[in-house]
Amino acid sequence: MPRIEWSSSYLAVFVGILGTTISPYLFFWQAAEEVEEERALGRRTVKERRGATDEELRKSRTDVITGMFFSNFIMYFIILTTAATLNAHGQTNIETAQQAAEALRPLAGHGAYLLFTLGLIGTGMLGVPVLAGSAAYAVAEAESWYGTLEARPRLAPRFYAVVGVSLFVGMALNFAGFNAVKMLFWSAVLNGVLAPPLIVLVVLLTSSRKVMGESANSPLLKWLGWATAAIMTAATVAMIATA
């Protein structure tokens, strides 16, 4: 059974789990991709994209709920499998993905080693473009640059420059000798620290009748949003207070 402790390290893990579930980049990526879909339908201007039909909102809601369900479902079994294999055999100081894969081979057989390797490659191919793209979207929106993955690089040079720099920095860190597993862990913790202010802004915007019209949040969704922000903020404060 999991052991609950009131300590900074335990709370850091809790904040990291929250941060990897509700990451700040999701807010930028999700919004940007909704706009990309609108553009693909021929709605090029803000005026043409304003408003959404009930069917479009239903599809968007289904997309988000389904994605979050499966991501948390997979996360649960990753935690469970890690506890049952690595942690159960005293492997608690993994520094690289290669070490984790090698450690799984004698514990769970060659099939688990191969599955871990393929999963890691698949995750990288899925995650790296999304993370680099969301960084570019965030910077482009903050600086009012023209930026979209639908455009050719010569039409959005600064946008693609951010994508390129993000990819380069990611590759450079891989060869810099840092502990990759700890970097992933602390980046998740940082996500958990940075997410609450963004959640507050999202709840305020989506609850405003002036902004959202009849599609504004229901009282239940508003309450869930505030509760999420409060829990993440409380966890962050507790982590810092016990450090």
C-alpha atoms as a PDB file:
ATOM      1  CA  MET A   1       0.000   0.000   0.000  1.00  0.00           C
ATOM      2  CA  PRO A   2       1.229   3.547  -0.717  1.00  0.00           C
ATOM      3  CA  ARG A   3       2.691   5.322   2.311  1.00  0.00           C
ATOM      4  CA  ILE A   4       1.446   8.877   2.834  1.00  0.00           C
ATOM      5  CA  GLU A   5       3.936  11.298   4.381  1.00  0.00           C
ATOM      6  CA  TRP A   6       3.759  14.980   5.258  1.00  0.00           C
ATOM      7  CA  SER A   7       7.131  15.867   3.762  1.00  0.00           C
ATOM      8  CA  SER A   8       8.472  18.140   1.057  1.00  0.00           C
ATOM      9  CA  SER A   9       9.593  15.216  -1.124  1.00  0.00           C
ATOM     10  CA  TYR A  10       6.206  13.490  -0.910  1.00  0.00           C
ATOM     11  CA  LEU A  11       4.352  16.735  -1.633  1.00  0.00           C
ATOM     12  CA  ALA A  12       6.711  17.404  -4.560  1.00  0.00           C
ATOM     13  CA  VAL A  13       5.634  14.077  -6.067  1.00  0.00           C
ATOM     14  CA  PHE A  14       1.990  15.038  -5.545  1.00  0.00           C
ATOM     15  CA  VAL A  15       2.521  18.445  -7.192  1.00  0.00           C
ATOM     16  CA  GLY A  16       4.383  16.713 -10.028  1.00  0.00           C
ATOM     17  CA  ILE A  17       1.479  14.316 -10.643  1.00  0.00           C
ATOM     18  CA  LEU A  18      -0.923  17.261 -10.771  1.00  0.00           C
ATOM     19  CA  GLY A  19       1.476  19.182 -13.004  1.00  0.00           C
ATOM     20  CA  THR A  20       1.890  16.376 -15.500  1.00  0.00           C
ATOM     21  CA  THR A  21      -1.905  15.908 -15.603  1.00  0.00           C
ATOM     22  CA  ILE A  22      -2.848  19.582 -16.005  1.00  0.00           C
ATOM     23  CA  SER A  23       0.192  21.071 -17.743  1.00  0.00           C
ATOM     24  CA  PRO A  24       0.306  24.752 -18.752  1.00  0.00           C
ATOM     25  CA  TYR A  25       1.207  23.891 -22.347  1.00  0.00           C
ATOM     26  CA  LEU A  26      -2.181  22.158 -22.734  1.00  0.00           C
ATOM     27  CA  PHE A  27      -4.011  25.480 -22.490  1.00  0.00           C
ATOM     28  CA  PHE A  28      -2.028  26.941 -25.389  1.00  0.00           C
ATOM     29  CA  TRP A  29      -1.960  23.801 -27.545  1.00  0.00           C
ATOM     30  CA  GLN A  30      -5.664  23.008 -27.191  1.00  0.00           C
ATOM     31  CA  ALA A  31      -6.730  26.575 -27.994  1.00  0.00           C
ATOM     32  CA  ALA A  32      -4.323  26.828 -30.927  1.00  0.00           C
ATOM     33  CA  GLU A  33      -5.459  23.537 -32.441  1.00  0.00           C
ATOM     34  CA  GLU A  34      -9.111  24.575 -32.187  1.00  0.00           C
ATOM     35  CA  VAL A  35      -8.230  27.660 -34.230  1.00  0.00           C
ATOM     36  CA  GLU A  36      -6.312  25.486 -36.717  1.00  0.00           C
ATOM     37  CA  GLU A  37      -9.424  23.350 -37.225  1.00  0.00           C
ATOM     38  CA  GLU A  38     -11.492  26.478 -37.813  1.00  0.00           C
ATOM     39  CA  ARG A  39      -8.988  27.674 -40.409  1.00  0.00           C
ATOM     40  CA  ALA A  40      -9.108  24.282 -42.098  1.00  0.00           C
ATOM     41  CA  LEU A  41     -12.862  24.823 -42.533  1.00  0.00           C
ATOM     42  CA  GLY A  42     -12.163  28.074 -44.376  1.00  0.00           C
ATOM     43  CA  ARG A  43     -12.846  30.438 -41.471  1.00  0.00           C
ATOM     44  CA  ARG A  44      -9.835  32.691 -41.873  1.00  0.00           C
ATOM     45  CA  THR A  45     -10.822  35.764 -39.866  1.00  0.00           C
ATOM     46  CA  VAL A  46     -11.665  36.151 -36.176  1.00  0.00           C
ATOM     47  CA  LYS A  47     -15.160  37.312 -37.112  1.00  0.00           C
ATOM     48  CA  GLU A  48     -15.774  34.140 -39.132  1.00  0.00           C
ATOM     49  CA  ARG A  49     -14.519  31.963 -36.261  1.00  0.00           C
ATOM     50  CA  ARG A  50     -16.541  33.718 -33.560  1.00  0.00           C
ATOM     51  CA  GLY A  51     -19.117  31.461 -31.930  1.00  0.00           C
ATOM     52  CA  ALA A  52     -19.546  27.712 -32.183  1.00  0.00           C
ATOM     53  CA  THR A  53     -22.448  25.393 -32.883  1.00  0.00           C
ATOM     54  CA  ASP A  54     -23.755  22.944 -30.295  1.00  0.00           C
ATOM     55  CA  GLU A  55     -22.349  20.089 -32.387  1.00  0.00           C
ATOM     56  CA  GLU A  56     -18.872  21.663 -32.468  1.00  0.00           C
ATOM     57  CA  LEU A  57     -18.932  22.176 -28.707  1.00  0.00           C
ATOM     58  CA  ARG A  58     -20.079  18.591 -28.179  1.00  0.00           C
ATOM     59  CA  LYS A  59     -17.233  17.230 -30.307  1.00  0.00           C
ATOM     60  CA  SER A  60     -14.708  19.418 -28.507  1.00  0.00           C
ATOM     61  CA  ARG A  61     -16.012  18.320 -25.104  1.00  0.00           C
ATOM     62  CA  THR A  62     -15.890  14.652 -26.124  1.00  0.00           C
ATOM     63  CA  ASP A  63     -12.337  15.109 -27.408  1.00  0.00           C
ATOM     64  CA  VAL A  64     -11.108  16.621 -24.132  1.00  0.00           C
ATOM     65  CA  ILE A  65     -12.918  14.172 -21.839  1.00  0.00           C
ATOM     66  CA  THR A  66     -11.771  11.137 -23.830  1.00  0.00           C
ATOM     67  CA  GLY A  67      -8.181  12.350 -23.997  1.00  0.00           C
ATOM     68  CA  MET A  68      -7.985  13.123 -20.274  1.00  0.00           C
ATOM     69  CA  PHE A  69      -9.571   9.780 -19.355  1.00  0.00           C
ATOM     70  CA  PHE A  70      -7.090   7.709 -21.327  1.00  0.00           C
ATOM     71  CA  SER A  71      -4.091   9.819 -20.261  1.00  0.00           C
ATOM     72  CA  ASN A  72      -4.957   9.323 -16.580  1.00  0.00           C
ATOM     73  CA  PHE A  73      -5.793   5.652 -17.162  1.00  0.00           C
ATOM     74  CA  ILE A  74      -2.354   5.099 -18.680  1.00  0.00           C
ATOM     75  CA  MET A  75      -0.645   7.175 -15.967  1.00  0.00           C
ATOM     76  CA  TYR A  76      -2.215   5.015 -13.245  1.00  0.00           C
ATOM     77  CA  PHE A  77      -0.860   1.816 -14.748  1.00  0.00           C
ATOM     78  CA  ILE A  78       2.567   3.377 -15.298  1.00  0.00           C
ATOM     79  CA  ILE A  79       2.719   4.183 -11.572  1.00  0.00           C
ATOM     80  CA  LEU A  80       1.375   0.730 -10.652  1.00  0.00           C
ATOM     81  CA  THR A  81       3.808  -1.103 -12.938  1.00  0.00           C
ATOM     82  CA  THR A  82       6.780   0.925 -11.725  1.00  0.00           C
ATOM     83  CA  ALA A  83       5.896   0.181  -8.101  1.00  0.00           C
ATOM     84  CA  ALA A  84       5.440  -3.543  -8.812  1.00  0.00           C
ATOM     85  CA  THR A  85       8.714  -3.927 -10.731  1.00  0.00           C
ATOM     86  CA  LEU A  86      11.413  -1.324 -10.098  1.00  0.00           C
ATOM     87  CA  ASN A  87      10.410  -0.105  -6.631  1.00  0.00           C
ATOM     88  CA  ALA A  88       9.587  -3.598  -5.359  1.00  0.00           C
ATOM     89  CA  HIS A  89      13.146  -4.704  -6.202  1.00  0.00           C
ATOM     90  CA  GLY A  90      14.869  -1.653  -4.723  1.00  0.00           C
ATOM     91  CA  GLN A  91      15.428   0.196  -8.005  1.00  0.00           C
ATOM     92  CA  THR A  92      14.691   3.743  -6.818  1.00  0.00           C
ATOM     93  CA  ASN A  93      17.556   5.736  -8.319  1.00  0.00           C
ATOM     94  CA  ILE A  94      16.964   5.556 -12.071  1.00  0.00           C
ATOM     95  CA  GLU A  95      18.845   8.338 -13.879  1.00  0.00           C
ATOM     96  CA  THR A  96      18.207   7.525 -17.543  1.00  0.00           C
ATOM     97  CA  ALA A  97      15.506   5.880 -19.612  1.00  0.00           C
ATOM     98  CA  GLN A  98      18.050   3.276 -20.690  1.00  0.00           C
ATOM     99  CA  GLN A  99      18.601   2.256 -17.062  1.00  0.00           C
ATOM    100  CA  ALA A 100      14.861   1.897 -16.548  1.00  0.00           C
ATOM    101  CA  ALA A 101      14.551  -0.274 -19.643  1.00  0.00           C
ATOM    102  CA  GLU A 102      17.504  -2.456 -18.617  1.00  0.00           C
ATOM    103  CA  ALA A 103      16.153  -2.798 -15.075  1.00  0.00           C
ATOM    104  CA  LEU A 104      12.832  -4.083 -16.392  1.00  0.00           C
ATOM    105  CA  ARG A 105      14.426  -6.860 -18.463  1.00  0.00           C
ATOM    106  CA  PRO A 106      15.294  -9.272 -15.599  1.00  0.00           C
ATOM    107  CA  LEU A 107      12.223  -8.298 -13.578  1.00  0.00           C
ATOM    108  CA  ALA A 108       9.465  -8.543 -16.176  1.00  0.00           C
ATOM    109  CA  GLY A 109      11.086 -10.314 -19.109  1.00  0.00           C
ATOM    110  CA  HIS A 110      12.304  -9.242 -22.524  1.00  0.00           C
ATOM    111  CA  GLY A 111       8.770  -8.381 -23.651  1.00  0.00           C
ATOM    112  CA  ALA A 112       8.446  -5.666 -21.011  1.00  0.00           C
ATOM    113  CA  TYR A 113      11.850  -4.252 -21.998  1.00  0.00           C
ATOM    114  CA  LEU A 114      10.839  -4.109 -25.660  1.00  0.00           C
ATOM    115  CA  LEU A 115       7.430  -2.624 -24.838  1.00  0.00           C
ATOM    116  CA  PHE A 116       9.044   0.071 -22.680  1.00  0.00           C
ATOM    117  CA  THR A 117      11.469   0.961 -25.459  1.00  0.00           C
ATOM    118  CA  LEU A 118       8.743   1.195 -28.104  1.00  0.00           C
ATOM    119  CA  GLY A 119       6.559   3.206 -25.731  1.00  0.00           C
ATOM    120  CA  LEU A 120       9.396   5.631 -25.056  1.00  0.00           C
ATOM    121  CA  ILE A 121      10.019   6.150 -28.774  1.00  0.00           C
ATOM    122  CA  GLY A 122       6.303   6.598 -29.451  1.00  0.00           C
ATOM    123  CA  THR A 123       5.934   9.057 -26.586  1.00  0.00           C
ATOM    124  CA  GLY A 124       8.863  11.087 -27.877  1.00  0.00           C
ATOM    125  CA  MET A 125       7.496  11.217 -31.421  1.00  0.00           C
ATOM    126  CA  LEU A 126       4.133  12.348 -30.057  1.00  0.00           C
ATOM    127  CA  GLY A 127       5.309  14.676 -27.299  1.00  0.00           C
ATOM    128  CA  VAL A 128       8.264  16.535 -28.810  1.00  0.00           C
ATOM    129  CA  PRO A 129       6.341  18.172 -31.702  1.00  0.00           C
ATOM    130  CA  VAL A 130       3.473  19.083 -29.351  1.00  0.00           C
ATOM    131  CA  LEU A 131       5.751  20.665 -26.744  1.00  0.00           C
ATOM    132  CA  ALA A 132       7.812  22.560 -29.316  1.00  0.00           C
ATOM    133  CA  GLY A 133       4.655  23.655 -31.130  1.00  0.00           C
ATOM    134  CA  SER A 134       2.891  24.817 -27.969  1.00  0.00           C
ATOM    135  CA  ALA A 135       5.955  26.874 -26.995  1.00  0.00           C
ATOM    136  CA  ALA A 136       5.907  28.515 -30.424  1.00  0.00           C
ATOM    137  CA  TYR A 137       2.170  29.213 -30.203  1.00  0.00           C
ATOM    138  CA  ALA A 138       2.563  30.746 -26.723  1.00  0.00           C
ATOM    139  CA  VAL A 139       5.411  33.041 -27.796  1.00  0.00           C
ATOM    140  CA  ALA A 140       3.696  33.987 -31.060  1.00  0.00           C
ATOM    141  CA  GLU A 141       0.468  34.900 -29.268  1.00  0.00           C
ATOM    142  CA  ALA A 142       2.324  36.889 -26.591  1.00  0.00           C
ATOM    143  CA  GLU A 143       4.289  38.827 -29.227  1.00  0.00           C
ATOM    144  CA  SER A 144       1.386  39.111 -31.723  1.00  0.00           C
ATOM    145  CA  TRP A 145       3.337  37.248 -34.399  1.00  0.00           C
ATOM    146  CA  TYR A 146       1.731  35.389 -37.251  1.00  0.00           C
ATOM    147  CA  GLY A 147       2.213  31.745 -36.403  1.00  0.00           C
ATOM    148  CA  THR A 148       0.573  28.502 -37.455  1.00  0.00           C
ATOM    149  CA  LEU A 149       1.766  25.031 -38.367  1.00  0.00           C
ATOM    150  CA  GLU A 150      -0.387  25.322 -41.481  1.00  0.00           C
ATOM    151  CA  ALA A 151       1.876  28.087 -42.836  1.00  0.00           C
ATOM    152  CA  ARG A 152       5.127  27.506 -44.665  1.00  0.00           C
ATOM    153  CA  PRO A 153       8.290  28.529 -42.760  1.00  0.00           C
ATOM    154  CA  ARG A 154       8.939  31.526 -45.026  1.00  0.00           C
ATOM    155  CA  LEU A 155       5.516  32.958 -44.103  1.00  0.00           C
ATOM    156  CA  ALA A 156       6.004  32.538 -40.337  1.00  0.00           C
ATOM    157  CA  PRO A 157       9.793  32.620 -39.811  1.00  0.00           C
ATOM    158  CA  ARG A 158       9.754  33.726 -36.150  1.00  0.00           C
ATOM    159  CA  PHE A 159       7.182  31.085 -35.249  1.00  0.00           C
ATOM    160  CA  TYR A 160       9.256  28.311 -36.795  1.00  0.00           C
ATOM    161  CA  ALA A 161      12.409  29.799 -35.256  1.00  0.00           C
ATOM    162  CA  VAL A 162      10.908  29.173 -31.808  1.00  0.00           C
ATOM    163  CA  VAL A 163      10.049  25.609 -32.854  1.00  0.00           C
ATOM    164  CA  GLY A 164      13.617  25.099 -34.062  1.00  0.00           C
ATOM    165  CA  VAL A 165      15.196  26.585 -30.932  1.00  0.00           C
ATOM    166  CA  SER A 166      12.963  24.429 -28.720  1.00  0.00           C
ATOM    167  CA  LEU A 167      13.999  21.278 -30.576  1.00  0.00           C
ATOM    168  CA  PHE A 168      17.678  22.276 -30.480  1.00  0.00           C
ATOM    169  CA  VAL A 169      17.627  22.987 -26.733  1.00  0.00           C
ATOM    170  CA  GLY A 170      15.891  19.662 -26.126  1.00  0.00           C
ATOM    171  CA  MET A 171      18.528  17.769 -28.110  1.00  0.00           C
ATOM    172  CA  ALA A 172      21.378  19.720 -26.488  1.00  0.00           C
ATOM    173  CA  LEU A 173      20.148  18.855 -22.992  1.00  0.00           C
ATOM    174  CA  ASN A 174      20.219  15.202 -23.991  1.00  0.00           C
ATOM    175  CA  PHE A 175      23.989  15.433 -24.485  1.00  0.00           C
ATOM    176  CA  ALA A 176      24.743  17.787 -21.587  1.00  0.00           C
ATOM    177  CA  GLY A 177      25.072  15.059 -18.981  1.00  0.00           C
ATOM    178  CA  PHE A 178      22.074  16.071 -16.873  1.00  0.00           C
ATOM    179  CA  ASN A 179      19.992  13.503 -15.025  1.00  0.00           C
ATOM    180  CA  ALA A 180      17.141  13.122 -17.518  1.00  0.00           C
ATOM    181  CA  VAL A 181      14.747  11.470 -15.073  1.00  0.00           C
ATOM    182  CA  LYS A 182      15.205  14.207 -12.459  1.00  0.00           C
ATOM    183  CA  MET A 183      14.744  16.870 -15.136  1.00  0.00           C
ATOM    184  CA  LEU A 184      11.454  15.261 -16.163  1.00  0.00           C
ATOM    185  CA  PHE A 185      10.372  15.068 -12.535  1.00  0.00           C
ATOM    186  CA  TRP A 186      11.180  18.685 -11.681  1.00  0.00           C
ATOM    187  CA  SER A 187       9.670  19.950 -14.927  1.00  0.00           C
ATOM    188  CA  ALA A 188       6.432  18.226 -13.856  1.00  0.00           C
ATOM    189  CA  VAL A 189       6.696  19.920 -10.448  1.00  0.00           C
ATOM    190  CA  LEU A 190       7.256  23.269 -12.182  1.00  0.00           C
ATOM    191  CA  ASN A 191       4.153  22.627 -14.291  1.00  0.00           C
ATOM    192  CA  GLY A 192       2.198  22.025 -11.098  1.00  0.00           C
ATOM    193  CA  VAL A 193       3.421  25.328  -9.672  1.00  0.00           C
ATOM    194  CA  LEU A 194       2.671  27.352 -12.820  1.00  0.00           C
ATOM    195  CA  ALA A 195      -0.705  25.837 -13.703  1.00  0.00           C
ATOM    196  CA  PRO A 196      -2.966  27.340 -10.946  1.00  0.00           C
ATOM    197  CA  PRO A 197      -2.771  30.994 -12.154  1.00  0.00           C
ATOM    198  CA  LEU A 198      -3.621  29.844 -15.683  1.00  0.00           C
ATOM    199  CA  ILE A 199      -6.527  27.766 -14.372  1.00  0.00           C
ATOM    200  CA  VAL A 200      -7.839  30.847 -12.543  1.00  0.00           C
ATOM    201  CA  LEU A 201      -7.704  32.885 -15.765  1.00  0.00           C
ATOM    202  CA  VAL A 202      -9.402  30.115 -17.754  1.00  0.00           C
ATOM    203  CA  VAL A 203     -12.199  29.791 -15.173  1.00  0.00           C
ATOM    204  CA  LEU A 204     -12.734  33.560 -15.129  1.00  0.00           C
ATOM    205  CA  LEU A 205     -12.904  33.736 -18.934  1.00  0.00           C
ATOM    206  CA  THR A 206     -15.083  30.676 -19.446  1.00  0.00           C
ATOM    207  CA  SER A 207     -17.473  31.739 -16.674  1.00  0.00           C
ATOM    208  CA  SER A 208     -18.019  35.203 -18.149  1.00  0.00           C
ATOM    209  CA  ARG A 209     -21.326  35.630 -19.981  1.00  0.00           C
ATOM    210  CA  LYS A 210     -19.831  38.653 -21.730  1.00  0.00           C
ATOM    211  CA  VAL A 211     -17.092  36.503 -23.253  1.00  0.00           C
ATOM    212  CA  MET A 212     -18.804  33.115 -23.641  1.00  0.00           C
ATOM    213  CA  GLY A 213     -22.467  34.064 -24.008  1.00  0.00           C
ATOM    214  CA  GLU A 214     -24.768  31.079 -23.484  1.00  0.00           C
ATOM    215  CA  SER A 215     -21.765  28.732 -23.510  1.00  0.00           C
ATOM    216  CA  ALA A 216     -20.449  30.053 -20.180  1.00  0.00           C
ATOM    217  CA  ASN A 217     -19.561  27.522 -17.490  1.00  0.00           C
ATOM    218  CA  SER A 218     -22.308  25.904 -15.478  1.00  0.00           C
ATOM    219  CA  PRO A 219     -22.109  26.308 -11.670  1.00  0.00           C
ATOM    220  CA  LEU A 220     -20.752  22.740 -11.399  1.00  0.00           C
ATOM    221  CA  LEU A 221     -17.948  23.308 -13.914  1.00  0.00           C
ATOM    222  CA  LYS A 222     -17.108  26.628 -12.288  1.00  0.00           C
ATOM    223  CA  TRP A 223     -16.916  24.933  -8.877  1.00  0.00           C
ATOM    224  CA  LEU A 224     -14.700  22.143 -10.248  1.00  0.00           C
ATOM    225  CA  GLY A 225     -12.383  24.713 -11.827  1.00  0.00           C
ATOM    226  CA  TRP A 226     -11.988  26.688  -8.603  1.00  0.00           C
ATOM    227  CA  ALA A 227     -11.523  23.479  -6.599  1.00  0.00           C
ATOM    228  CA  THR A 228      -8.762  22.319  -8.960  1.00  0.00           C
ATOM    229  CA  ALA A 229      -6.951  25.657  -8.701  1.00  0.00           C
ATOM    230  CA  ALA A 230      -7.307  25.636  -4.900  1.00  0.00           C
ATOM    231  CA  ILE A 231      -5.983  22.072  -4.509  1.00  0.00           C
ATOM    232  CA  MET A 232      -2.973  22.714  -6.752  1.00  0.00           C
ATOM    233  CA  THR A 233      -2.208  26.001  -4.989  1.00  0.00           C
ATOM    234  CA  ALA A 234      -2.511  24.404  -1.544  1.00  0.00           C
ATOM    235  CA  ALA A 235      -0.219  21.541  -2.588  1.00  0.00           C
ATOM    236  CA  THR A 236       2.384  23.998  -3.886  1.00  0.00           C
ATOM    237  CA  VAL A 237       2.266  26.120  -0.723  1.00  0.00           C
ATOM    238  CA  ALA A 238       2.554  23.001   1.459  1.00  0.00           C
ATOM    239  CA  MET A 239       5.512  21.728  -0.580  1.00  0.00           C
ATOM    240  CA  ILE A 240       7.362  25.028  -0.177  1.00  0.00           C
ATOM    241  CA  ALA A 241       6.438  25.350   3.508  1.00  0.00           C
ATOM    242  CA  THR A 242       7.827  21.898   4.352  1.00  0.00           C
ATOM    243  CA  ALA A 243      11.040  22.321   2.347  1.00  0.00           C
END
